[in-house]
Amino acid sequence: MKKIGLLSDTHGWWDDKYATYFGGCDEIWHAGDIGAETLIRDLAAIKPLRAVYGNIDGYPLRQQYPKTAHFKIEDVNVMMTHIGGYPGRYDPSIRAELYHAKPQLFISGHSHILKVMYDKHLQCLHINPGAAGISGFQQVRTLVRFVIDKAEIKDLEVIELMKVRHS
């Protein structure tokens, strides 16, 4: 059994609450738009980290992390990328790879909109954790925690951080 902490779209924004909420997790996953090497180092200091780069991430992060990651946790095949869309509206740049890989869990970010949806066609759970940073249009910053136990994805929690104040 693995407890996962998931976030996306930090855009370089560090919040000590990441450590608070992810300290009890086994791994942290970042679904892109990391924004700063220091942020990724700080996350990796909390727990083992898996990440993909996003469209705002520059050369050093793109050298360190892939555009798309495929891995297995317990008995669940996972695919994670930054720009992925959601069931019924997958991004054309990822659609063929997604349909070929047929993961049980598909993680993406980019939209800054928290979504948890089941794709009946692919028999796949899609999670977009929303945005954890302060850049963008989101009103509430969000993180997600969940458990993978053998082939089961369960105990999903949405954590709302402070509201974003836009000027």
N, C-alpha and C. Protein backbone atom coordinates (compact mmCIF):
# COMPACT_ATOMS: atom_id res chain seq x y z
N MET A 1 0.85 -1.18 0.00
CA MET A 1 0.00 0.00 0.00
C MET A 1 0.89 1.24 0.00
N LYS A 2 0.55 2.19 -0.88
CA LYS A 2 1.32 3.43 -1.01
C LYS A 2 0.39 4.62 -0.89
N LYS A 3 0.78 5.58 -0.08
CA LYS A 3 0.03 6.84 0.03
C LYS A 3 0.76 7.87 -0.83
N ILE A 4 0.00 8.50 -1.72
CA ILE A 4 0.56 9.41 -2.71
C ILE A 4 0.09 10.84 -2.43
N GLY A 5 1.02 11.78 -2.49
CA GLY A 5 0.70 13.20 -2.47
C GLY A 5 0.89 13.74 -3.87
N LEU A 6 -0.12 14.42 -4.40
CA LEU A 6 -0.11 14.87 -5.80
C LEU A 6 -0.34 16.37 -5.87
N LEU A 7 0.47 17.04 -6.69
CA LEU A 7 0.27 18.46 -6.93
C LEU A 7 0.71 18.81 -8.34
N SER A 8 0.36 20.00 -8.77
CA SER A 8 0.72 20.48 -10.10
C SER A 8 0.71 22.00 -10.09
N ASP A 9 1.30 22.55 -11.12
CA ASP A 9 1.23 23.99 -11.37
C ASP A 9 1.61 24.84 -10.16
N THR A 10 2.77 24.53 -9.59
CA THR A 10 3.29 25.35 -8.50
C THR A 10 3.89 26.64 -9.03
N HIS A 11 4.38 26.64 -10.26
CA HIS A 11 4.98 27.82 -10.88
C HIS A 11 6.03 28.45 -9.97
N GLY A 12 6.79 27.60 -9.26
CA GLY A 12 7.86 28.08 -8.40
C GLY A 12 7.42 28.50 -7.00
N TRP A 13 6.14 28.41 -6.69
CA TRP A 13 5.63 28.85 -5.40
C TRP A 13 5.79 27.75 -4.36
N TRP A 14 6.54 28.03 -3.31
CA TRP A 14 6.70 27.09 -2.21
C TRP A 14 5.74 27.44 -1.09
N ASP A 15 5.14 26.43 -0.49
CA ASP A 15 4.26 26.60 0.66
C ASP A 15 4.66 25.53 1.67
N ASP A 16 4.92 25.91 2.91
CA ASP A 16 5.29 24.93 3.94
C ASP A 16 4.21 23.88 4.15
N LYS A 17 2.99 24.18 3.73
CA LYS A 17 1.90 23.20 3.87
C LYS A 17 2.13 21.97 2.99
N TYR A 18 2.95 22.09 1.95
CA TYR A 18 3.28 20.90 1.15
C TYR A 18 3.91 19.85 2.06
N ALA A 19 4.84 20.27 2.89
CA ALA A 19 5.51 19.34 3.81
C ALA A 19 4.52 18.81 4.85
N THR A 20 3.65 19.68 5.33
CA THR A 20 2.66 19.27 6.34
C THR A 20 1.75 18.18 5.78
N TYR A 21 1.18 18.43 4.60
CA TYR A 21 0.20 17.50 4.04
C TYR A 21 0.83 16.27 3.38
N PHE A 22 2.06 16.38 2.92
CA PHE A 22 2.69 15.25 2.23
C PHE A 22 3.68 14.49 3.11
N GLY A 23 3.91 14.94 4.32
CA GLY A 23 4.86 14.29 5.21
C GLY A 23 4.52 12.84 5.51
N GLY A 24 3.23 12.50 5.56
CA GLY A 24 2.80 11.14 5.83
C GLY A 24 2.65 10.28 4.59
N CYS A 25 3.00 10.82 3.44
CA CYS A 25 2.88 10.08 2.18
C CYS A 25 4.14 9.25 1.94
N ASP A 26 4.01 8.26 1.07
CA ASP A 26 5.16 7.46 0.67
C ASP A 26 5.91 8.08 -0.50
N GLU A 27 5.16 8.77 -1.37
CA GLU A 27 5.75 9.44 -2.54
C GLU A 27 5.00 10.73 -2.80
N ILE A 28 5.68 11.67 -3.47
CA ILE A 28 5.06 12.89 -3.97
C ILE A 28 5.18 12.87 -5.48
N TRP A 29 4.08 13.21 -6.15
CA TRP A 29 4.08 13.32 -7.61
C TRP A 29 3.77 14.75 -7.99
N HIS A 30 4.54 15.31 -8.93
CA HIS A 30 4.30 16.67 -9.43
C HIS A 30 3.99 16.57 -10.92
N ALA A 31 2.81 17.05 -11.31
CA ALA A 31 2.34 16.92 -12.70
C ALA A 31 2.69 18.13 -13.56
N GLY A 32 3.83 18.73 -13.33
CA GLY A 32 4.36 19.74 -14.23
C GLY A 32 4.05 21.18 -13.90
N ASP A 33 4.73 22.07 -14.63
CA ASP A 33 4.80 23.50 -14.33
C ASP A 33 5.34 23.68 -12.91
N ILE A 34 6.50 23.08 -12.73
CA ILE A 34 7.22 23.11 -11.46
C ILE A 34 7.68 24.54 -11.18
N GLY A 35 8.40 25.12 -12.12
CA GLY A 35 8.75 26.53 -12.05
C GLY A 35 10.08 26.87 -11.40
N ALA A 36 10.65 25.99 -10.60
CA ALA A 36 11.93 26.30 -9.96
C ALA A 36 12.61 25.02 -9.48
N GLU A 37 13.91 24.94 -9.73
CA GLU A 37 14.67 23.78 -9.26
C GLU A 37 14.69 23.71 -7.74
N THR A 38 14.68 24.85 -7.07
CA THR A 38 14.68 24.84 -5.60
C THR A 38 13.40 24.20 -5.07
N LEU A 39 12.28 24.45 -5.72
CA LEU A 39 11.01 23.87 -5.28
C LEU A 39 11.06 22.34 -5.38
N ILE A 40 11.58 21.85 -6.47
CA ILE A 40 11.62 20.41 -6.68
C ILE A 40 12.58 19.75 -5.69
N ARG A 41 13.68 20.43 -5.37
CA ARG A 41 14.61 19.90 -4.36
C ARG A 41 13.95 19.85 -2.98
N ASP A 42 13.17 20.90 -2.66
CA ASP A 42 12.49 20.92 -1.36
C ASP A 42 11.43 19.83 -1.26
N LEU A 43 10.71 19.58 -2.35
CA LEU A 43 9.72 18.49 -2.35
C LEU A 43 10.42 17.13 -2.19
N ALA A 44 11.52 16.95 -2.92
CA ALA A 44 12.25 15.68 -2.86
C ALA A 44 12.88 15.45 -1.49
N ALA A 45 13.09 16.51 -0.73
CA ALA A 45 13.63 16.37 0.63
C ALA A 45 12.57 15.83 1.60
N ILE A 46 11.29 15.97 1.23
CA ILE A 46 10.20 15.48 2.08
C ILE A 46 10.02 13.98 1.90
N LYS A 47 9.85 13.56 0.65
CA LYS A 47 9.60 12.16 0.30
C LYS A 47 10.13 11.91 -1.11
N PRO A 48 10.28 10.63 -1.51
CA PRO A 48 10.67 10.35 -2.89
C PRO A 48 9.70 11.04 -3.86
N LEU A 49 10.26 11.57 -4.94
CA LEU A 49 9.51 12.41 -5.86
C LEU A 49 9.53 11.85 -7.27
N ARG A 50 8.36 11.90 -7.91
CA ARG A 50 8.24 11.63 -9.35
C ARG A 50 7.66 12.91 -9.95
N ALA A 51 8.16 13.31 -11.11
CA ALA A 51 7.67 14.54 -11.71
C ALA A 51 7.78 14.47 -13.22
N VAL A 52 6.99 15.31 -13.87
CA VAL A 52 7.10 15.56 -15.30
C VAL A 52 7.25 17.06 -15.47
N TYR A 53 7.86 17.47 -16.56
CA TYR A 53 7.98 18.91 -16.77
C TYR A 53 6.72 19.44 -17.45
N GLY A 54 6.48 20.72 -17.25
CA GLY A 54 5.34 21.39 -17.88
C GLY A 54 5.79 22.42 -18.88
N ASN A 55 4.83 23.08 -19.50
CA ASN A 55 5.14 24.02 -20.57
C ASN A 55 5.92 25.26 -20.10
N ILE A 56 5.90 25.61 -18.81
CA ILE A 56 6.68 26.77 -18.36
C ILE A 56 8.08 26.37 -17.89
N ASP A 57 8.34 25.09 -17.77
CA ASP A 57 9.61 24.63 -17.21
C ASP A 57 10.72 24.72 -18.24
N GLY A 58 11.86 25.26 -17.80
CA GLY A 58 13.00 25.46 -18.68
C GLY A 58 13.94 24.27 -18.75
N TYR A 59 15.07 24.54 -19.38
CA TYR A 59 16.06 23.51 -19.69
C TYR A 59 16.46 22.62 -18.52
N PRO A 60 16.85 23.16 -17.36
CA PRO A 60 17.31 22.25 -16.31
C PRO A 60 16.24 21.24 -15.89
N LEU A 61 15.00 21.68 -15.74
CA LEU A 61 13.93 20.77 -15.33
C LEU A 61 13.58 19.79 -16.44
N ARG A 62 13.64 20.24 -17.68
CA ARG A 62 13.35 19.35 -18.81
C ARG A 62 14.44 18.28 -18.98
N GLN A 63 15.66 18.59 -18.53
CA GLN A 63 16.73 17.59 -18.57
C GLN A 63 16.57 16.56 -17.45
N GLN A 64 16.00 17.00 -16.34
CA GLN A 64 15.88 16.14 -15.17
C GLN A 64 14.63 15.26 -15.19
N TYR A 65 13.54 15.76 -15.78
CA TYR A 65 12.26 15.05 -15.75
C TYR A 65 11.71 14.88 -17.15
N PRO A 66 10.93 13.81 -17.39
CA PRO A 66 10.37 13.57 -18.73
C PRO A 66 9.11 14.40 -18.98
N LYS A 67 8.72 14.47 -20.24
CA LYS A 67 7.43 15.09 -20.60
C LYS A 67 6.29 14.18 -20.13
N THR A 68 6.47 12.88 -20.30
CA THR A 68 5.47 11.90 -19.90
C THR A 68 6.18 10.78 -19.14
N ALA A 69 5.59 10.37 -18.04
CA ALA A 69 6.16 9.28 -17.24
C ALA A 69 5.18 8.12 -17.22
N HIS A 70 5.71 6.93 -17.38
CA HIS A 70 4.94 5.68 -17.27
C HIS A 70 5.60 4.88 -16.16
N PHE A 71 4.83 4.45 -15.17
CA PHE A 71 5.38 3.65 -14.09
C PHE A 71 4.27 2.83 -13.45
N LYS A 72 4.68 1.88 -12.63
CA LYS A 72 3.73 1.00 -11.96
C LYS A 72 3.92 1.15 -10.46
N ILE A 73 2.82 1.34 -9.74
CA ILE A 73 2.80 1.41 -8.28
C ILE A 73 1.84 0.32 -7.83
N GLU A 74 2.34 -0.56 -6.96
CA GLU A 74 1.53 -1.72 -6.57
C GLU A 74 1.13 -2.44 -7.86
N ASP A 75 -0.18 -2.61 -8.12
CA ASP A 75 -0.64 -3.26 -9.34
C ASP A 75 -1.31 -2.27 -10.31
N VAL A 76 -0.99 -1.00 -10.19
CA VAL A 76 -1.63 0.04 -10.99
C VAL A 76 -0.61 0.65 -11.96
N ASN A 77 -0.94 0.60 -13.25
CA ASN A 77 -0.13 1.26 -14.26
C ASN A 77 -0.54 2.73 -14.31
N VAL A 78 0.46 3.61 -14.22
CA VAL A 78 0.23 5.05 -14.15
C VAL A 78 0.88 5.73 -15.34
N MET A 79 0.18 6.71 -15.88
CA MET A 79 0.74 7.59 -16.90
C MET A 79 0.55 9.00 -16.40
N MET A 80 1.62 9.81 -16.40
CA MET A 80 1.54 11.18 -15.93
C MET A 80 2.19 12.11 -16.94
N THR A 81 1.49 13.20 -17.24
CA THR A 81 2.01 14.22 -18.14
C THR A 81 1.40 15.55 -17.71
N HIS A 82 1.91 16.65 -18.24
CA HIS A 82 1.39 17.94 -17.82
C HIS A 82 0.12 18.31 -18.60
N ILE A 83 0.21 18.34 -19.91
CA ILE A 83 -0.94 18.72 -20.73
C ILE A 83 -1.62 17.44 -21.22
N GLY A 84 -2.75 17.10 -20.63
CA GLY A 84 -3.40 15.84 -20.95
C GLY A 84 -4.87 15.94 -21.30
N GLY A 85 -5.52 17.03 -20.91
CA GLY A 85 -6.97 17.09 -21.11
C GLY A 85 -7.66 16.20 -20.09
N TYR A 86 -8.84 15.74 -20.45
CA TYR A 86 -9.61 14.89 -19.55
C TYR A 86 -10.54 14.01 -20.37
N PRO A 87 -11.15 12.98 -19.75
CA PRO A 87 -11.96 12.03 -20.53
C PRO A 87 -12.95 12.71 -21.47
N GLY A 88 -12.92 12.25 -22.70
CA GLY A 88 -13.76 12.84 -23.73
C GLY A 88 -13.13 14.03 -24.43
N ARG A 89 -12.08 14.59 -23.82
CA ARG A 89 -11.40 15.76 -24.38
C ARG A 89 -9.90 15.70 -24.13
N TYR A 90 -9.29 14.55 -24.40
CA TYR A 90 -7.86 14.43 -24.21
C TYR A 90 -7.13 15.31 -25.22
N ASP A 91 -6.00 15.86 -24.82
CA ASP A 91 -5.21 16.70 -25.70
C ASP A 91 -4.69 15.86 -26.86
N PRO A 92 -4.77 16.38 -28.08
CA PRO A 92 -4.31 15.61 -29.24
C PRO A 92 -2.85 15.16 -29.14
N SER A 93 -2.02 15.94 -28.44
CA SER A 93 -0.60 15.60 -28.34
C SER A 93 -0.35 14.35 -27.50
N ILE A 94 -1.32 13.93 -26.70
CA ILE A 94 -1.13 12.80 -25.80
C ILE A 94 -2.09 11.64 -26.09
N ARG A 95 -3.12 11.88 -26.87
CA ARG A 95 -4.20 10.91 -27.06
C ARG A 95 -3.72 9.55 -27.53
N ALA A 96 -2.89 9.49 -28.57
CA ALA A 96 -2.45 8.20 -29.11
C ALA A 96 -1.64 7.42 -28.08
N GLU A 97 -0.75 8.11 -27.38
CA GLU A 97 0.07 7.44 -26.36
C GLU A 97 -0.81 6.93 -25.22
N LEU A 98 -1.79 7.70 -24.82
CA LEU A 98 -2.70 7.32 -23.74
C LEU A 98 -3.51 6.08 -24.14
N TYR A 99 -4.06 6.08 -25.34
CA TYR A 99 -4.86 4.95 -25.79
C TYR A 99 -4.01 3.69 -26.01
N HIS A 100 -2.74 3.89 -26.36
CA HIS A 100 -1.84 2.75 -26.52
C HIS A 100 -1.43 2.19 -25.15
N ALA A 101 -1.11 3.06 -24.20
CA ALA A 101 -0.63 2.63 -22.87
C ALA A 101 -1.75 2.03 -22.00
N LYS A 102 -2.96 2.55 -22.15
CA LYS A 102 -4.11 2.08 -21.37
C LYS A 102 -3.80 1.98 -19.86
N PRO A 103 -3.39 3.09 -19.24
CA PRO A 103 -3.10 3.04 -17.80
C PRO A 103 -4.39 2.91 -16.99
N GLN A 104 -4.27 2.46 -15.77
CA GLN A 104 -5.43 2.47 -14.87
C GLN A 104 -5.58 3.83 -14.20
N LEU A 105 -4.49 4.61 -14.18
CA LEU A 105 -4.49 5.94 -13.57
C LEU A 105 -3.76 6.90 -14.50
N PHE A 106 -4.46 7.98 -14.89
CA PHE A 106 -3.87 9.00 -15.75
C PHE A 106 -3.87 10.32 -14.98
N ILE A 107 -2.68 10.89 -14.82
CA ILE A 107 -2.49 12.13 -14.08
C ILE A 107 -2.08 13.22 -15.05
N SER A 108 -2.72 14.38 -14.96
CA SER A 108 -2.27 15.54 -15.73
C SER A 108 -2.53 16.80 -14.92
N GLY A 109 -1.98 17.90 -15.38
CA GLY A 109 -2.15 19.19 -14.74
C GLY A 109 -2.59 20.21 -15.77
N HIS A 110 -1.95 21.36 -15.80
CA HIS A 110 -2.06 22.41 -16.81
C HIS A 110 -3.30 23.29 -16.71
N SER A 111 -4.47 22.73 -16.51
CA SER A 111 -5.71 23.52 -16.59
C SER A 111 -5.93 24.37 -15.34
N HIS A 112 -5.25 24.07 -14.25
CA HIS A 112 -5.46 24.72 -12.94
C HIS A 112 -6.83 24.40 -12.37
N ILE A 113 -7.52 23.42 -12.96
CA ILE A 113 -8.87 23.03 -12.52
C ILE A 113 -8.81 21.62 -11.96
N LEU A 114 -9.17 21.48 -10.70
CA LEU A 114 -9.21 20.16 -10.07
C LEU A 114 -10.30 19.31 -10.73
N LYS A 115 -9.91 18.12 -11.18
CA LYS A 115 -10.88 17.19 -11.76
C LYS A 115 -10.49 15.78 -11.38
N VAL A 116 -11.49 15.01 -10.99
CA VAL A 116 -11.32 13.58 -10.78
C VAL A 116 -12.46 12.93 -11.55
N MET A 117 -12.11 12.19 -12.60
CA MET A 117 -13.12 11.62 -13.48
C MET A 117 -12.73 10.19 -13.85
N TYR A 118 -13.73 9.35 -14.04
CA TYR A 118 -13.47 7.99 -14.51
C TYR A 118 -13.80 7.91 -15.98
N ASP A 119 -12.86 7.39 -16.77
CA ASP A 119 -13.05 7.20 -18.19
C ASP A 119 -13.50 5.75 -18.41
N LYS A 120 -14.79 5.56 -18.68
CA LYS A 120 -15.33 4.21 -18.86
C LYS A 120 -14.73 3.53 -20.08
N HIS A 121 -14.46 4.30 -21.13
CA HIS A 121 -13.91 3.73 -22.35
C HIS A 121 -12.52 3.13 -22.10
N LEU A 122 -11.65 3.87 -21.41
CA LEU A 122 -10.30 3.38 -21.13
C LEU A 122 -10.22 2.58 -19.83
N GLN A 123 -11.31 2.59 -19.05
CA GLN A 123 -11.31 1.97 -17.73
C GLN A 123 -10.14 2.53 -16.92
N CYS A 124 -10.13 3.85 -16.81
CA CYS A 124 -9.01 4.57 -16.25
C CYS A 124 -9.52 5.73 -15.40
N LEU A 125 -8.91 5.92 -14.23
CA LEU A 125 -9.22 7.07 -13.40
C LEU A 125 -8.30 8.21 -13.81
N HIS A 126 -8.89 9.38 -14.05
CA HIS A 126 -8.11 10.57 -14.39
C HIS A 126 -8.14 11.52 -13.20
N ILE A 127 -6.96 12.01 -12.81
CA ILE A 127 -6.88 13.00 -11.74
C ILE A 127 -6.05 14.19 -12.22
N ASN A 128 -6.63 15.37 -12.10
CA ASN A 128 -5.90 16.63 -12.26
C ASN A 128 -5.99 17.31 -10.91
N PRO A 129 -4.86 17.51 -10.22
CA PRO A 129 -4.92 18.06 -8.86
C PRO A 129 -5.19 19.56 -8.78
N GLY A 130 -5.43 20.22 -9.91
CA GLY A 130 -5.60 21.67 -9.87
C GLY A 130 -4.24 22.33 -9.73
N ALA A 131 -4.22 23.53 -9.21
CA ALA A 131 -2.97 24.29 -9.09
C ALA A 131 -2.63 24.52 -7.63
N ALA A 132 -1.37 24.26 -7.28
CA ALA A 132 -0.90 24.49 -5.92
C ALA A 132 -0.23 25.84 -5.76
N GLY A 133 0.11 26.47 -6.87
CA GLY A 133 0.77 27.77 -6.83
C GLY A 133 -0.21 28.93 -6.86
N ILE A 134 0.35 30.13 -6.92
CA ILE A 134 -0.50 31.33 -6.91
C ILE A 134 -0.63 31.98 -8.28
N SER A 135 0.08 31.49 -9.28
CA SER A 135 -0.02 32.04 -10.64
C SER A 135 -1.18 31.38 -11.36
N GLY A 136 -2.03 32.18 -12.00
CA GLY A 136 -3.14 31.63 -12.75
C GLY A 136 -4.46 32.18 -12.26
N PHE A 137 -5.53 31.65 -12.81
CA PHE A 137 -6.87 32.18 -12.53
C PHE A 137 -7.60 31.46 -11.40
N GLN A 138 -7.03 30.36 -10.89
CA GLN A 138 -7.73 29.57 -9.88
C GLN A 138 -8.05 30.42 -8.65
N GLN A 139 -9.17 30.13 -8.03
CA GLN A 139 -9.57 30.83 -6.83
C GLN A 139 -9.05 30.16 -5.57
N VAL A 140 -8.90 28.84 -5.63
CA VAL A 140 -8.43 28.06 -4.48
C VAL A 140 -7.28 27.17 -4.94
N ARG A 141 -6.20 27.15 -4.16
CA ARG A 141 -5.07 26.27 -4.44
C ARG A 141 -5.38 24.90 -3.88
N THR A 142 -5.04 23.85 -4.64
CA THR A 142 -5.42 22.50 -4.22
C THR A 142 -4.26 21.51 -4.31
N LEU A 143 -4.32 20.52 -3.44
CA LEU A 143 -3.45 19.35 -3.42
C LEU A 143 -4.36 18.14 -3.35
N VAL A 144 -3.84 16.98 -3.71
CA VAL A 144 -4.62 15.74 -3.64
C VAL A 144 -3.74 14.68 -2.95
N ARG A 145 -4.39 13.89 -2.11
CA ARG A 145 -3.75 12.69 -1.53
C ARG A 145 -4.65 11.50 -1.82
N PHE A 146 -4.04 10.34 -2.04
CA PHE A 146 -4.81 9.12 -2.24
C PHE A 146 -3.93 7.92 -1.94
N VAL A 147 -4.56 6.76 -1.89
CA VAL A 147 -3.86 5.52 -1.58
C VAL A 147 -4.00 4.57 -2.77
N ILE A 148 -2.91 3.89 -3.08
CA ILE A 148 -2.94 2.79 -4.04
C ILE A 148 -2.63 1.53 -3.24
N ASP A 149 -3.61 0.63 -3.23
CA ASP A 149 -3.49 -0.62 -2.47
C ASP A 149 -3.74 -1.77 -3.44
N LYS A 150 -2.67 -2.43 -3.82
CA LYS A 150 -2.70 -3.46 -4.86
C LYS A 150 -3.26 -2.85 -6.14
N ALA A 151 -4.46 -3.24 -6.60
CA ALA A 151 -5.03 -2.68 -7.83
C ALA A 151 -6.08 -1.61 -7.55
N GLU A 152 -6.23 -1.24 -6.30
CA GLU A 152 -7.29 -0.31 -5.91
C GLU A 152 -6.73 1.09 -5.64
N ILE A 153 -7.41 2.10 -6.19
CA ILE A 153 -7.10 3.49 -5.92
C ILE A 153 -8.22 3.99 -5.01
N LYS A 154 -7.85 4.43 -3.78
CA LYS A 154 -8.90 4.72 -2.80
C LYS A 154 -8.49 5.87 -1.88
N ASP A 155 -9.42 6.23 -1.01
CA ASP A 155 -9.18 7.23 0.04
C ASP A 155 -8.68 8.55 -0.52
N LEU A 156 -9.25 8.99 -1.63
CA LEU A 156 -8.83 10.24 -2.25
C LEU A 156 -9.29 11.43 -1.41
N GLU A 157 -8.36 12.33 -1.13
CA GLU A 157 -8.64 13.54 -0.37
C GLU A 157 -8.25 14.76 -1.19
N VAL A 158 -9.11 15.76 -1.21
CA VAL A 158 -8.79 17.04 -1.82
C VAL A 158 -8.46 17.99 -0.68
N ILE A 159 -7.31 18.64 -0.75
CA ILE A 159 -6.88 19.58 0.27
C ILE A 159 -6.91 20.97 -0.35
N GLU A 160 -7.71 21.83 0.24
CA GLU A 160 -7.79 23.22 -0.23
C GLU A 160 -6.88 24.08 0.62
N LEU A 161 -6.00 24.79 -0.06
CA LEU A 161 -5.11 25.73 0.61
C LEU A 161 -5.76 27.11 0.56
N MET A 162 -5.04 28.12 1.01
CA MET A 162 -5.63 29.47 1.05
C MET A 162 -6.13 29.91 -0.32
N LYS A 163 -7.13 30.75 -0.29
CA LYS A 163 -7.65 31.31 -1.54
C LYS A 163 -6.60 32.21 -2.15
N VAL A 164 -6.62 32.29 -3.46
CA VAL A 164 -5.68 33.12 -4.20
C VAL A 164 -6.29 34.51 -4.33
N ARG A 165 -5.50 35.51 -4.05
CA ARG A 165 -5.98 36.90 -4.20
C ARG A 165 -5.35 37.47 -5.46
N HIS A 166 -6.18 37.76 -6.42
CA HIS A 166 -5.71 38.34 -7.67
C HIS A 166 -5.89 39.85 -7.61
N SER A 167 -4.90 40.59 -8.08
CA SER A 167 -5.02 42.05 -8.06
C SER A 167 -5.59 42.59 -9.34
